[in-house]
Protein backbone atom coordinates (compact mmCIF):
# COMPACT_ATOMS: atom_id res chain seq x y z
CA UNK A 1 -10.74 -86.60 42.98
CA UNK A 2 -9.45 -83.29 43.38
CA UNK A 3 -9.36 -82.02 46.95
CA UNK A 4 -10.40 -78.51 48.17
CA UNK A 5 -6.47 -77.90 48.52
CA UNK A 6 -6.10 -78.39 44.78
CA UNK A 7 -9.07 -76.78 43.72
CA UNK A 8 -7.48 -73.37 45.26
CA UNK A 9 -4.88 -74.31 43.14
CA UNK A 10 -6.11 -74.93 40.58
CA UNK A 11 -8.37 -71.70 40.59
CA UNK A 12 -5.06 -69.49 41.68
CA UNK A 13 -3.45 -70.40 38.43
CA UNK A 14 -6.04 -69.76 35.95
CA UNK A 15 -6.21 -65.85 37.45
CA UNK A 16 -3.12 -65.65 37.79
CA UNK A 17 -3.41 -66.67 33.30
CA UNK A 18 -5.88 -64.19 32.96
CA UNK A 19 -3.97 -61.40 35.20
CA UNK A 20 -0.57 -61.86 33.29
CA UNK A 21 -2.62 -62.41 30.31
CA UNK A 22 -3.87 -59.02 30.89
CA UNK A 23 -0.34 -57.40 31.26
CA UNK A 24 1.11 -58.79 27.79
CA UNK A 25 2.26 -62.28 28.68
CA UNK A 26 1.68 -65.14 26.57
CA UNK A 27 1.47 -68.08 28.32
CA UNK A 28 4.08 -70.91 27.28
CA UNK A 29 3.45 -73.60 29.70
CA UNK A 30 1.88 -74.70 32.48
CA UNK A 31 2.32 -77.14 35.13
CA UNK A 32 5.76 -78.04 33.85
CA UNK A 33 7.17 -80.58 34.99
CA UNK A 34 10.83 -82.27 35.04
CA UNK A 35 10.85 -85.38 37.47
CA UNK A 36 9.59 -83.71 40.98
CA UNK A 37 10.63 -80.20 39.96
CA UNK A 38 7.49 -78.18 38.20
CA UNK A 39 7.04 -74.44 37.37
CA UNK A 40 3.69 -73.46 38.30
CA UNK A 41 3.74 -70.70 34.42
CA UNK A 42 6.30 -70.21 32.03
CA UNK A 43 5.29 -67.15 29.71
CA UNK A 44 6.74 -64.59 27.59
CA UNK A 45 6.78 -60.16 27.60
CA UNK A 46 9.00 -59.74 25.26
CA UNK A 47 11.93 -60.70 25.22
CA UNK A 48 12.03 -61.55 29.07
CA UNK A 49 11.13 -65.30 29.88
CA UNK A 50 8.99 -65.61 33.13
CA UNK A 51 9.09 -68.19 35.57
CA UNK A 52 6.27 -67.94 38.36
CA UNK A 53 4.92 -69.37 41.44
CA UNK A 54 1.80 -69.23 42.20
CA UNK A 55 0.56 -69.66 45.75
CA UNK A 56 -3.21 -69.55 46.41
CA UNK A 57 -4.61 -69.29 49.82
CA UNK A 58 -8.25 -68.76 51.42
CA UNK A 59 -9.24 -66.65 54.08
CA UNK A 60 -8.33 -65.84 56.81
CA UNK A 61 -4.37 -66.79 55.73
CA UNK A 62 -2.41 -66.94 58.85
CA UNK A 63 -0.14 -66.56 56.98
CA UNK A 64 0.87 -63.90 54.15
CA UNK A 65 0.88 -66.67 50.85
CA UNK A 66 4.74 -64.99 49.49
CA UNK A 67 5.83 -66.40 52.78
CA UNK A 68 5.66 -69.67 51.49
CA UNK A 69 9.00 -68.91 48.81
CA UNK A 70 11.29 -69.19 50.98
CA UNK A 71 14.58 -70.57 50.22
CA UNK A 72 13.55 -73.87 49.52
CA UNK A 73 10.79 -73.40 47.35
CA UNK A 74 13.26 -70.53 45.17
CA UNK A 75 16.46 -73.81 45.21
CA UNK A 76 13.69 -76.27 43.38
CA UNK A 77 12.64 -73.58 41.02
CA UNK A 78 16.13 -72.28 39.94
CA UNK A 79 16.68 -76.06 39.24
CA UNK A 80 13.35 -76.54 37.09
CA UNK A 81 14.14 -73.46 35.37
CA UNK A 82 17.34 -74.73 34.47
CA UNK A 83 15.77 -77.90 33.20
CA UNK A 84 13.34 -76.37 31.49
CA UNK A 85 16.32 -73.89 29.87
CA UNK A 86 17.75 -77.38 28.72
CA UNK A 87 14.51 -79.00 26.83
CA UNK A 88 13.15 -79.46 23.80
CA UNK A 89 10.77 -77.64 25.08
CA UNK A 90 13.36 -74.03 25.22
CA UNK A 91 14.50 -74.91 21.98
CA UNK A 92 11.08 -73.29 20.10
CA UNK A 93 11.50 -70.25 21.63
CA UNK A 94 13.57 -67.09 20.92
CA UNK A 95 16.93 -66.82 21.36
CA UNK A 96 18.81 -64.63 23.96
CA UNK A 97 15.77 -64.38 26.34
CA UNK A 98 16.29 -62.69 30.04
CA UNK A 99 15.23 -64.54 32.60
CA UNK A 100 13.04 -63.57 35.89
CA UNK A 101 11.48 -65.52 37.68
CA UNK A 102 8.37 -64.03 39.68
CA UNK A 103 5.66 -65.01 42.51
CA UNK A 104 1.35 -64.44 42.46
CA UNK A 105 -0.14 -64.69 45.68
CA UNK A 106 -4.02 -64.80 45.68
CA UNK A 107 -6.79 -65.20 49.01
CA UNK A 108 -10.09 -66.54 48.02
CA UNK A 109 -12.84 -65.39 49.69
CA UNK A 110 -15.41 -66.87 48.52
CA UNK A 111 -16.62 -65.86 44.90
CA UNK A 112 -13.67 -63.08 45.88
CA UNK A 113 -10.27 -62.47 46.10
CA UNK A 114 -7.00 -60.59 45.91
CA UNK A 115 -4.33 -61.09 43.37
CA UNK A 116 -0.92 -59.66 43.74
CA UNK A 117 1.83 -59.50 41.42
CA UNK A 118 5.31 -59.84 42.29
CA UNK A 119 7.87 -59.36 39.13
CA UNK A 120 11.53 -60.16 39.50
CA UNK A 121 10.30 -61.43 43.20
CA UNK A 122 13.96 -63.17 43.42
CA UNK A 123 16.68 -63.35 41.82
CA UNK A 124 18.93 -67.20 42.40
CA UNK A 125 21.97 -67.29 44.19
CA UNK A 126 24.34 -70.04 43.86
CA UNK A 127 26.88 -70.79 47.06
């Protein structure tokens, strides 16, 4: 049985996929996992591979959803993307793809919602 947080998360991911598809993306995978690492959405747009983090909240939100994609979350997404790039699934995609890390935020207020797409939301850094 799902709790309300899981229901909002699934609803947000569904809407994020619809939004990305309306922008021309092809969804490659949803909720891709490698051990404890997860990527919400992986999509293709031309010769671009997008790793997309989806953040969903219900109104009134105490903080903007995108504020929850801090350095630690970015590090986990980068590690998950690297695992994907080294997986057998990656071999099914075209070669020489440019990689991007995006964020989609959704704020639900009953049946209505606001969606924001942040392409290239961050560039992984290595120290």
